[in-house]
Each structure stands twice: as C-alpha cells, then as structure tokens.
Amino acid sequence: MDPVMVLVLLVLSLSCLLLLSLWKQSSGRGKLPPGPTPLPIIGNFLQIDVKDIQQSLTNLSKVYGPVFTLYLGMKPTVVLHGYEAVKEALIDRGEEFSGRGRIPVFDKIFNGLGIIFSNGNIWKDIRRFSLITLRNLGMGKRSIEDRVQEEAQCLVEELRKTKGLPCDPTFILYCASSNIICSIVFQNRFDYKDRDFLNLLEKLNENTKILSSPWMQENCNQLSNYTLEHLTTTVGNLFVAGTETTTSTLRYALLLLLKHPHVKDKVQEEIDRVMGRHRRPCMQDRSHMPYTDAMIHEVQRFIDLIPNSLPHKVTCDVKFRNYLIPKGTTVITSLSSVLHDNKEFPNPETFDPGHFLDEEGNFKKSNYFMPFSTGKRICAGEGLARMELFLFLTTILQNFKLKPLVNPKDIDTTPVLNGLASVPPVFQLCFIPI
C-alpha cells in the first residue's frame, strides 16, 4: 500500500479514537459535578501539578466549588473538597460512599483481598472479623497498653546505645511501631538487630516512597471470605498500616519538636509535673496533659500524612447536591482541605498546639480532626495508633533531651514526597540522656 495512504489511514484512525474519547467523556459530564474540560485519553493530568497536588485541588475547588469532577485518564473521579462535603459523604451518607476505589498498582498486589482494598459484603465481613479477632488478641484492652509500655522501654534502651551521638531514628522507630503489630498478630516481638526483621522494614520503607511518588497508579466467592489468601492479605494490611503511618508520624513529631523548641520545652515541663522521671507513662496520664495531647493532635493535623485518604467509590447511583454520581465512580476525599481549614484552624500552615486548646489551656476536640479518615472506612487501628503516639513520645521525652544538629530555624519540615502519603525528610538528631 502507498505509504501516503497508510499515513492517511493512521491519522484518520487516530482522529476517530480521539473523537470517540471526547464523546465518551462529554456524554456523562451532564450528570456529574462540573470540572475542567478533559483532553482525550489523558484527561486532566496536565491541569494538576504533581509536585503540589493539594494546591491544585484547592485551586480547582475555587473555580468549580467543593464538589467537582476530574478525569484521571478516561474515567471520571469526583473530588470532595472541604469539611462539609467530606462529612456529608462519609458520615451522613456513609453507606453509599463506603466502596473502595481502584488504585491499579494495589489491584495487582492485593487483587481485591484484605481489609483495606476489598468491597461489598466481603469487606464488611473481613472488617468485622478483623476487629473481633484483634479485640480477642488484646487490642483496646489493658494488656495492649502493657505491651506498648514495654516496647517504649525497649525503644529507650536502643536510643541510649546511640550515646548522644547524631543518629537517624527512622529504623529504630520502625522497629518499635512494627513490634506492636507483631506482638498482637504474631504474639511475638523481634529484636531491633534481627536481620530478617530489618530487611522487611527496609522494603516497607522503600515501597512507601514508591507509592508516594506522584505517578503511582476478579470476582470473589462469598464462601472464600476466610481463605488463607484473604487472611494473609489482611494480616499484611494490618502490618503495613500499623507500621508505616505510626513511624512516619513519630519521625515528623521529633522533627517538629526540634524545629519548635518552645513546644518541646512545654511538653517536657508537663511530663515532669504529671509523671516525673521514674514512673513510666500510662494512658491515664493523657487526660492530665492537655498540652502534650494538643501537640500530638497538631502534629497529625499539620503533617497531613495521607492527604486524600485512599479512594472511595459509590456503591450505587447517588444523587449528591443535585448531581448524579453513577455507581462505581471513584471519589477522592481531600482530608488535607479539612485539616487545613482556616476557619477551624487559624493560620493552618503554622504548627501550633494552640489549635487544640481552649482559652483556659484545656484540650479542645475538633470535628475537623480527620487524619484517620472518617465514616465507614475509618482506620481500624486508630485507637492503637493514638496509644502508641502518646506512650512512645512521652517516654522518649521523659528520658532524653532532643538536640538538633543545625539551628532550629534552618530545619526544613517539607515532605520529600507527597503522593499517597507525605514522606518526611531524612534528618539526624542527638538523644541526650536526662
């Protein structure tokens, strides 16, 4: 065939594909919330700054409102921006928005199994089974607090081995956080120098970095809900979620305390007043330590660890604010827009424990505090994570003064990656025994 004819046919074919793509995208837009006009095939990718996704979503919300549609490729994704929209979907209409949206890379890894990425009745059964089993293994009971306290002491002993010299605390904190989940699920903890344990944690750390890069992207039989594969995947979900998020939050907390020494000093004063230097911290202390409690909440608010949570999807056709969201549509909830709401948190880009304190210095709760998401898909390990953060941080500060290697003003707290998760920068500090 004449090369010119081949070229003409190729151009015509490509043009037909592009027109078909445009038609398919525009045919459904009348029902969906408004949004920027997508390009064929790639959708709205060029209208999103992958280095600052949250700012891109904020900018789009100013144009299209708190509920808008983006095309990430050829399929529509509805974005919910701001507290009112997120609350209305995940709390007021939680069942309709309780599906788990697709993340292609996770589809290949987990194949719709486990507690995080399953859907429908299978997800409900696995979540219920997991929570009952974890409670039977001690989660939420005094025995778990004892384990966290014991691990906190192991953490202190490991930090003492640094002898006040500069160190990167990442893997020591990984070991401590992971050992809590290990002690619940496997009924065993691991030594901080165990080579296999460290190799596993190193792979977890690398996977988080990969999945937090900006370009991250089968039917089940009811009788197979509790197959070995399902249970193995669920254990893996608990292991990863229970290790990575707590460790990253602890790292950020140490970094922010180095950056803001006046906050660190107030926390250590409260520790001295409430528990002293010799009695190990316990959860009952938290109600008597409003500033420390506020500091931990502010760390979680400020760092915005999982900015958009994991994607949801609607479980049926949903009429939402005069729009129609078809069954199966992916929904992104901007937790960042809630945690950084300037009406609830004055100067939200500033780290200030005062955001969670009233005028008398008492701890102040906020409905906008959603670092664990909210509604039907809220993190199953929220209570355990709160316990670990309080006991680990107070035990560290009870035993050590934190010494930065640079002037606090020069400490940079900007995440090195900000995709699925906000990954804290690498840093070193000295743990000076008190």
Protein backbone atom coordinates (compact mmCIF):
# COMPACT_ATOMS: atom_id res chain seq x y z
CA MET A 1 0.00 0.00 0.00
CA ASP A 2 1.11 3.52 -0.79
CA PRO A 3 2.93 4.97 2.28
CA VAL A 4 0.88 8.16 1.94
CA MET A 5 -2.35 6.13 2.14
CA VAL A 6 -1.01 4.31 5.22
CA LEU A 7 -0.29 7.64 6.87
CA VAL A 8 -3.76 8.98 5.96
CA LEU A 9 -5.45 5.87 7.37
CA LEU A 10 -3.36 6.14 10.54
CA VAL A 11 -4.31 9.80 11.01
CA LEU A 12 -7.99 9.04 10.37
CA SER A 13 -7.95 6.13 12.81
CA LEU A 14 -6.26 8.21 15.49
CA SER A 15 -8.71 11.07 14.90
CA CYS A 16 -11.66 8.68 15.28
CA LEU A 17 -10.23 7.37 18.55
CA LEU A 18 -9.76 10.90 19.87
CA LEU A 19 -13.29 11.91 18.86
CA LEU A 20 -14.69 8.76 20.45
CA SER A 21 -12.76 9.52 23.63
CA LEU A 22 -14.09 13.09 23.69
CA TRP A 23 -17.65 11.90 23.10
CA LYS A 24 -17.48 9.29 25.86
CA GLN A 25 -16.10 11.83 28.31
CA SER A 26 -18.59 14.57 27.42
CA SER A 27 -21.64 12.27 27.28
CA GLY A 28 -21.50 11.63 31.02
CA ARG A 29 -20.48 15.10 32.14
CA GLY A 30 -24.02 16.45 32.18
CA LYS A 31 -24.82 14.18 35.14
CA LEU A 32 -21.58 14.59 37.04
CA PRO A 33 -20.40 17.64 39.02
CA PRO A 34 -18.65 20.35 36.96
CA GLY A 35 -14.93 20.33 36.31
CA PRO A 36 -12.22 21.33 33.87
CA THR A 37 -12.57 20.14 30.29
CA PRO A 38 -10.52 16.94 29.86
CA LEU A 39 -8.18 16.23 27.00
CA PRO A 40 -8.65 12.99 25.04
CA ILE A 41 -7.13 9.91 26.69
CA ILE A 42 -5.04 11.78 29.32
CA GLY A 43 -7.98 13.68 30.82
CA ASN A 44 -6.99 16.46 33.24
CA PHE A 45 -3.48 15.27 34.10
CA LEU A 46 -1.89 18.38 32.59
CA GLN A 47 -4.01 20.58 34.84
CA ILE A 48 -2.62 19.03 38.02
CA ASP A 49 0.75 19.98 39.44
CA VAL A 50 2.13 16.61 40.52
CA LYS A 51 4.56 18.37 42.87
CA ASP A 52 1.71 20.05 44.74
CA ILE A 53 -1.46 18.05 44.18
CA GLN A 54 -3.23 19.56 47.19
CA GLN A 55 -2.79 23.11 45.94
CA SER A 56 -4.05 22.05 42.52
CA LEU A 57 -7.22 20.61 44.09
CA THR A 58 -7.67 23.77 46.18
CA ASN A 59 -7.32 25.95 43.09
CA LEU A 60 -9.87 23.85 41.19
CA SER A 61 -12.31 23.98 44.11
CA LYS A 62 -12.20 27.78 43.98
CA VAL A 63 -13.37 27.61 40.36
CA TYR A 64 -15.80 24.67 40.42
CA GLY A 65 -16.88 24.50 44.06
CA PRO A 66 -16.39 21.86 46.79
CA VAL A 67 -17.65 19.01 44.58
CA PHE A 68 -16.06 18.71 41.15
CA THR A 69 -15.06 16.13 38.55
CA LEU A 70 -11.60 15.32 37.25
CA TYR A 71 -10.67 12.85 34.55
CA LEU A 72 -7.52 10.99 35.57
CA GLY A 73 -7.23 9.30 32.20
CA MET A 74 -10.55 8.44 30.54
CA LYS A 75 -12.56 7.71 33.69
CA PRO A 76 -14.21 10.37 35.88
CA THR A 77 -13.23 10.92 39.50
CA VAL A 78 -15.36 13.06 41.80
CA VAL A 79 -13.38 15.20 44.27
CA LEU A 80 -14.85 16.30 47.60
CA HIS A 81 -13.08 19.37 49.00
CA GLY A 82 -13.73 20.86 52.42
CA TYR A 83 -15.27 19.66 55.68
CA GLU A 84 -18.95 19.99 54.73
CA ALA A 85 -18.67 17.93 51.53
CA VAL A 86 -16.46 15.27 53.14
CA LYS A 87 -18.72 14.99 56.20
CA GLU A 88 -21.89 14.80 54.10
CA ALA A 89 -20.47 11.96 52.02
CA LEU A 90 -18.51 9.86 54.52
CA ILE A 91 -20.60 10.36 57.68
CA ASP A 92 -24.14 11.43 56.71
CA ARG A 93 -24.24 9.12 53.68
CA GLY A 94 -21.50 6.72 54.69
CA GLU A 95 -23.03 3.54 53.26
CA GLU A 96 -23.36 4.98 49.74
CA PHE A 97 -19.74 6.19 49.76
CA SER A 98 -18.27 3.13 51.50
CA GLY A 99 -16.82 1.42 48.44
CA ARG A 100 -13.05 1.29 47.90
CA GLY A 101 -11.92 3.00 44.71
CA ARG A 102 -9.33 1.44 42.45
CA ILE A 103 -5.60 2.06 42.58
CA PRO A 104 -4.18 -0.07 39.74
CA VAL A 105 -0.89 -0.87 41.45
CA PHE A 106 -2.75 -2.14 44.53
CA ASP A 107 -5.13 -4.15 42.33
CA LYS A 108 -2.17 -6.17 41.13
CA ILE A 109 -0.70 -6.60 44.59
CA PHE A 110 -3.84 -7.38 46.61
CA ASN A 111 -6.37 -8.47 43.96
CA GLY A 112 -9.28 -7.04 45.96
CA LEU A 113 -8.42 -9.07 49.05
CA GLY A 114 -7.82 -8.00 52.66
CA ILE A 115 -9.40 -5.37 54.89
CA ILE A 116 -8.25 -2.24 53.00
CA PHE A 117 -8.95 -2.99 49.33
CA SER A 118 -11.94 -5.34 49.41
CA ASN A 119 -15.52 -4.24 48.73
CA GLY A 120 -19.16 -5.06 49.45
CA ASN A 121 -20.19 -7.81 51.84
CA ILE A 122 -16.73 -9.34 51.67
CA TRP A 123 -15.21 -6.13 53.07
CA LYS A 124 -17.87 -5.88 55.77
CA ASP A 125 -17.27 -9.49 56.84
CA ILE A 126 -13.48 -9.17 56.82
CA ARG A 127 -13.54 -5.87 58.75
CA ARG A 128 -15.93 -7.30 61.35
CA PHE A 129 -13.86 -10.48 61.65
CA SER A 130 -10.60 -8.50 61.93
CA LEU A 131 -11.89 -6.17 64.65
CA ILE A 132 -13.33 -9.05 66.70
CA THR A 133 -10.10 -11.04 66.33
CA LEU A 134 -7.91 -8.08 67.26
CA ARG A 135 -10.03 -7.43 70.33
CA ASN A 136 -9.73 -11.09 71.29
CA LEU A 137 -5.95 -10.74 70.92
CA GLY A 138 -5.99 -7.79 73.30
CA MET A 139 -6.42 -4.62 71.22
CA GLY A 140 -8.28 -1.98 73.22
CA LYS A 141 -7.54 -3.76 76.48
CA ARG A 142 -5.08 -3.09 79.28
CA SER A 143 -2.81 -5.87 78.03
CA ILE A 144 -2.08 -3.89 74.84
CA GLU A 145 -1.14 -0.82 76.84
CA ASP A 146 1.31 -3.00 78.79
CA ARG A 147 2.87 -4.16 75.52
CA VAL A 148 3.22 -0.60 74.23
CA GLN A 149 4.77 0.50 77.53
CA GLU A 150 7.25 -2.39 77.41
CA GLU A 151 8.13 -1.62 73.80
CA ALA A 152 8.60 2.04 74.72
CA GLN A 153 11.20 0.96 77.29
CA CYS A 154 12.95 -1.18 74.65
CA LEU A 155 12.92 1.87 72.37
CA VAL A 156 14.55 3.98 75.10
CA GLU A 157 17.26 1.36 75.66
CA GLU A 158 18.00 1.29 71.93
CA LEU A 159 18.23 5.08 71.82
CA ARG A 160 20.61 5.04 74.81
CA LYS A 161 23.00 2.97 72.69
CA THR A 162 23.49 5.98 70.42
CA LYS A 163 25.37 7.59 73.38
CA GLY A 164 24.15 11.04 72.49
CA LEU A 165 25.78 10.95 69.06
CA PRO A 166 23.97 12.07 65.88
CA CYS A 167 21.65 9.39 64.52
CA ASP A 168 18.78 8.91 62.09
CA PRO A 169 15.96 7.44 64.22
CA THR A 170 13.95 6.07 61.29
CA PHE A 171 14.58 2.34 61.65
CA ILE A 172 14.62 2.36 65.44
CA LEU A 173 11.14 3.89 65.31
CA TYR A 174 10.13 1.41 62.59
CA CYS A 175 11.15 -1.46 64.86
CA ALA A 176 9.19 -0.10 67.81
CA SER A 177 5.99 0.55 65.84
CA SER A 178 6.18 -2.73 63.96
CA ASN A 179 6.77 -4.74 67.12
CA ILE A 180 3.39 -3.65 68.49
CA ILE A 181 1.57 -5.12 65.48
CA CYS A 182 3.85 -8.18 65.60
CA SER A 183 3.04 -8.75 69.26
CA ILE A 184 -0.70 -8.59 68.50
CA VAL A 185 -0.82 -10.58 65.27
CA PHE A 186 2.11 -12.97 65.74
CA GLN A 187 2.20 -12.96 69.55
CA ASN A 188 5.90 -12.19 69.29
CA ARG A 189 8.21 -9.18 69.03
CA PHE A 190 11.60 -9.04 67.29
CA ASP A 191 14.99 -7.81 68.36
CA TYR A 192 15.96 -4.46 66.84
CA LYS A 193 19.03 -6.08 65.28
CA ASP A 194 17.20 -9.05 63.74
CA ARG A 195 18.42 -9.06 60.13
CA ASP A 196 15.27 -10.51 58.58
CA PHE A 197 13.13 -8.05 60.53
CA LEU A 198 15.24 -5.08 59.37
CA ASN A 199 15.17 -6.28 55.75
CA LEU A 200 11.39 -6.43 55.85
CA LEU A 201 11.14 -2.94 57.35
CA GLU A 202 13.54 -1.57 54.77
CA LYS A 203 11.33 -2.94 51.98
CA LEU A 204 8.26 -1.41 53.64
CA ASN A 205 10.03 1.95 53.73
CA GLU A 206 11.04 1.75 50.06
CA ASN A 207 7.54 0.68 48.99
CA THR A 208 6.04 3.69 50.74
CA LYS A 209 8.37 6.01 48.85
CA ILE A 210 7.44 4.36 45.54
CA LEU A 211 3.70 4.54 46.27
CA SER A 212 4.01 8.17 47.37
CA SER A 213 5.53 9.31 44.11
CA PRO A 214 3.11 11.47 42.08
CA TRP A 215 2.75 8.89 39.23
CA MET A 216 1.65 5.91 41.33
CA GLN A 217 -1.41 4.26 39.50
CA GLU A 218 -11.92 -10.60 40.00
CA ASN A 219 -14.88 -11.65 41.42
CA CYS A 220 -14.79 -13.30 44.87
CA ASN A 221 -16.91 -16.14 46.11
CA GLN A 222 -18.73 -15.43 49.37
CA LEU A 223 -17.59 -18.81 50.67
CA SER A 224 -13.94 -17.83 50.26
CA ASN A 225 -14.03 -14.84 52.65
CA TYR A 226 -11.78 -16.52 55.18
CA THR A 227 -9.48 -18.42 52.88
CA LEU A 228 -5.79 -18.45 53.75
CA GLU A 229 -5.09 -15.92 50.99
CA HIS A 230 -7.68 -13.49 52.37
CA LEU A 231 -6.37 -13.84 55.91
CA THR A 232 -2.75 -13.50 54.80
CA THR A 233 -3.56 -10.32 52.89
CA THR A 234 -5.46 -8.91 55.87
CA VAL A 235 -2.50 -9.57 58.17
CA GLY A 236 -0.26 -7.87 55.63
CA ASN A 237 -2.61 -4.86 55.53
CA LEU A 238 -2.51 -4.57 59.32
CA PHE A 239 1.26 -4.95 59.38
CA VAL A 240 1.91 -2.27 56.76
CA ALA A 241 -0.72 0.20 58.00
CA GLY A 242 0.24 -0.30 61.64
CA THR A 243 3.93 0.23 60.98
CA GLU A 244 4.32 2.86 58.29
CA THR A 245 1.83 5.51 59.39
CA THR A 246 2.83 5.47 63.07
CA THR A 247 6.55 5.54 62.26
CA SER A 248 6.18 8.46 59.85
CA THR A 249 4.11 10.38 62.41
CA LEU A 250 6.72 9.77 65.12
CA ARG A 251 9.51 10.93 62.81
CA TYR A 252 7.58 14.08 61.95
CA ALA A 253 6.85 14.69 65.64
CA LEU A 254 10.55 14.59 66.53
CA LEU A 255 11.38 16.85 63.59
CA LEU A 256 8.71 19.39 64.55
CA LEU A 257 9.82 19.38 68.18
CA LEU A 258 13.38 20.11 67.02
CA LYS A 259 12.03 22.92 64.83
CA HIS A 260 9.94 24.38 67.68
CA PRO A 261 11.96 24.05 70.91
CA HIS A 262 9.44 26.13 72.91
CA VAL A 263 6.83 23.44 72.23
CA LYS A 264 9.26 20.69 73.25
CA ASP A 265 10.07 22.54 76.48
CA LYS A 266 6.38 22.88 77.39
CA VAL A 267 5.79 19.17 76.79
CA GLN A 268 8.78 18.21 78.94
CA GLU A 269 7.58 20.54 81.71
CA GLU A 270 4.19 18.80 81.63
CA ILE A 271 5.88 15.38 81.76
CA ASP A 272 7.92 16.46 84.80
CA ARG A 273 4.81 17.76 86.54
CA VAL A 274 2.49 14.81 85.85
CA MET A 275 4.67 11.69 85.84
CA GLY A 276 8.17 12.74 86.82
CA ARG A 277 11.31 10.97 85.63
CA HIS A 278 10.88 7.49 87.05
CA ARG A 279 7.28 6.33 86.66
CA ARG A 280 6.62 5.11 83.15
CA PRO A 281 3.85 6.97 81.27
CA CYS A 282 0.39 5.41 81.02
CA MET A 283 -2.74 6.32 79.07
CA GLN A 284 -4.46 7.69 82.19
CA ASP A 285 -1.86 10.47 82.17
CA ARG A 286 -3.18 11.86 78.89
CA SER A 287 -6.27 13.45 80.48
CA HIS A 288 -3.92 15.40 82.80
CA MET A 289 -1.61 16.51 79.97
CA PRO A 290 -3.67 18.77 77.69
CA TYR A 291 -0.66 20.46 76.09
CA THR A 292 1.01 17.15 75.18
CA ASP A 293 -2.29 15.82 73.83
CA ALA A 294 -2.74 19.01 71.79
CA MET A 295 0.83 18.76 70.48
CA ILE A 296 0.27 15.20 69.19
CA HIS A 297 -3.03 16.21 67.55
CA GLU A 298 -1.33 19.22 65.97
CA VAL A 299 1.46 17.02 64.59
CA GLN A 300 -1.12 14.83 62.89
CA ARG A 301 -3.08 17.82 61.59
CA PHE A 302 -0.04 19.73 60.36
CA ILE A 303 1.75 16.88 58.58
CA ASP A 304 -1.36 15.81 56.66
CA LEU A 305 0.06 12.28 56.37
CA ILE A 306 -2.48 10.81 53.91
CA PRO A 307 -3.70 13.97 52.13
CA ASN A 308 -6.53 12.40 50.13
CA SER A 309 -7.09 9.24 52.14
CA LEU A 310 -7.47 6.15 49.96
CA PRO A 311 -10.01 6.49 47.13
CA HIS A 312 -13.64 5.66 47.79
CA LYS A 313 -16.30 4.72 45.28
CA VAL A 314 -20.07 4.96 45.39
CA THR A 315 -21.90 1.67 45.89
CA CYS A 316 -24.98 2.75 43.92
CA ASP A 317 -26.19 5.63 41.78
CA VAL A 318 -26.05 8.61 44.15
CA LYS A 319 -27.81 11.95 43.87
CA PHE A 320 -25.44 14.28 45.68
CA ARG A 321 -26.01 18.03 45.81
CA ASN A 322 -28.15 17.96 42.65
CA TYR A 323 -25.57 15.91 40.76
CA LEU A 324 -25.81 12.27 39.80
CA ILE A 325 -22.76 10.15 40.59
CA PRO A 326 -23.07 6.79 38.80
CA LYS A 327 -22.49 3.55 40.71
CA GLY A 328 -18.80 2.58 40.77
CA THR A 329 -17.48 6.14 40.29
CA THR A 330 -14.23 6.81 42.15
CA VAL A 331 -14.44 9.51 44.83
CA ILE A 332 -11.43 11.35 46.27
CA THR A 333 -11.90 12.99 49.68
CA SER A 334 -9.46 15.80 50.36
CA LEU A 335 -8.61 15.29 54.04
CA SER A 336 -5.98 17.99 53.56
CA SER A 337 -8.70 20.60 52.91
CA VAL A 338 -10.34 19.62 56.22
CA LEU A 339 -7.17 19.52 58.33
CA HIS A 340 -6.05 22.88 56.92
CA ASP A 341 -9.38 24.69 57.07
CA ASN A 342 -8.53 28.26 58.08
CA LYS A 343 -11.89 28.85 59.81
CA GLU A 344 -11.40 25.94 62.19
CA PHE A 345 -7.61 26.30 62.48
CA PRO A 346 -6.37 29.91 62.28
CA ASN A 347 -3.08 30.09 60.35
CA PRO A 348 -3.35 26.40 59.32
CA GLU A 349 0.11 26.36 57.71
CA THR A 350 1.65 27.17 61.11
CA PHE A 351 2.49 24.42 63.61
CA ASP A 352 0.64 25.48 66.75
CA PRO A 353 -0.69 23.14 69.50
CA GLY A 354 -2.98 26.03 70.43
CA HIS A 355 -5.26 24.85 67.63
CA PHE A 356 -6.42 22.17 70.08
CA LEU A 357 -6.51 24.22 73.29
CA ASP A 358 -9.22 26.50 74.64
CA GLU A 359 -8.63 29.85 76.36
CA GLU A 360 -8.08 28.12 79.72
CA GLY A 361 -5.47 25.75 78.30
CA ASN A 362 -7.77 22.71 78.31
CA PHE A 363 -7.72 20.24 75.44
CA LYS A 364 -10.28 21.11 72.76
CA LYS A 365 -11.72 18.49 70.42
CA SER A 366 -12.43 19.28 66.79
CA ASN A 367 -14.75 17.52 64.32
CA TYR A 368 -12.29 18.61 61.63
CA PHE A 369 -9.59 16.29 63.02
CA MET A 370 -9.63 13.50 60.40
CA PRO A 371 -6.10 12.14 59.97
CA PHE A 372 -7.54 8.60 60.18
CA SER A 373 -10.31 9.49 57.69
CA THR A 374 -13.90 9.13 58.94
CA GLY A 375 -17.10 7.19 58.39
CA LYS A 376 -17.39 3.52 57.42
CA ARG A 377 -13.80 3.29 56.14
CA ILE A 378 -12.11 4.99 59.11
CA CYS A 379 -8.78 3.38 60.05
CA ALA A 380 -9.42 0.23 62.09
CA GLY A 381 -6.25 0.84 64.12
CA GLU A 382 -6.98 4.43 65.17
CA GLY A 383 -7.12 3.65 68.89
CA LEU A 384 -3.88 1.68 68.83
CA ALA A 385 -2.10 4.40 66.84
CA ARG A 386 -3.18 7.09 69.32
CA MET A 387 -1.87 4.96 72.19
CA GLU A 388 1.49 4.36 70.50
CA LEU A 389 2.00 8.03 69.66
CA PHE A 390 1.28 9.17 73.20
CA LEU A 391 3.29 6.49 75.04
CA PHE A 392 6.27 6.46 72.67
CA LEU A 393 6.66 10.25 72.55
CA THR A 394 6.20 10.84 76.27
CA THR A 395 8.61 8.01 77.11
CA ILE A 396 11.26 9.44 74.75
CA LEU A 397 10.88 12.96 76.14
CA GLN A 398 10.88 11.66 79.71
CA ASN A 399 14.31 10.13 79.15
CA PHE A 400 16.06 12.37 76.60
CA LYS A 401 16.61 15.94 75.56
CA LEU A 402 16.43 16.29 71.78
CA LYS A 403 19.39 18.13 70.30
CA PRO A 404 19.29 19.30 66.67
CA LEU A 405 22.41 19.36 64.51
CA VAL A 406 21.52 22.73 62.96
CA ASN A 407 19.82 25.91 64.08
CA PRO A 408 16.08 25.16 64.55
CA LYS A 409 15.26 27.99 62.12
CA ASP A 410 17.14 26.11 59.39
CA ILE A 411 15.25 22.82 59.87
CA ASP A 412 13.12 22.02 56.82
CA THR A 413 9.92 20.05 57.52
CA THR A 414 8.79 19.92 53.87
CA PRO A 415 7.87 16.36 52.76
CA VAL A 416 10.31 14.82 50.30
CA LEU A 417 7.41 13.07 48.55
CA ASN A 418 3.73 13.94 48.63
CA GLY A 419 1.61 11.41 46.74
CA LEU A 420 -0.36 8.72 48.53
CA ALA A 421 1.47 9.72 51.73
CA SER A 422 3.55 12.68 52.85
CA VAL A 423 7.05 11.25 53.39
CA PRO A 424 9.13 13.17 55.97
CA PRO A 425 12.66 14.27 55.07
CA VAL A 426 15.67 12.34 56.34
CA PHE A 427 17.25 14.01 59.36
CA GLN A 428 19.55 13.33 62.29
CA LEU A 429 19.47 14.40 65.91
CA CYS A 430 21.11 13.60 69.23
CA PHE A 431 19.26 11.89 72.07
CA ILE A 432 20.90 13.31 75.20
CA PRO A 433 20.05 11.22 78.31
CA ILE A 434 18.47 13.22 81.12
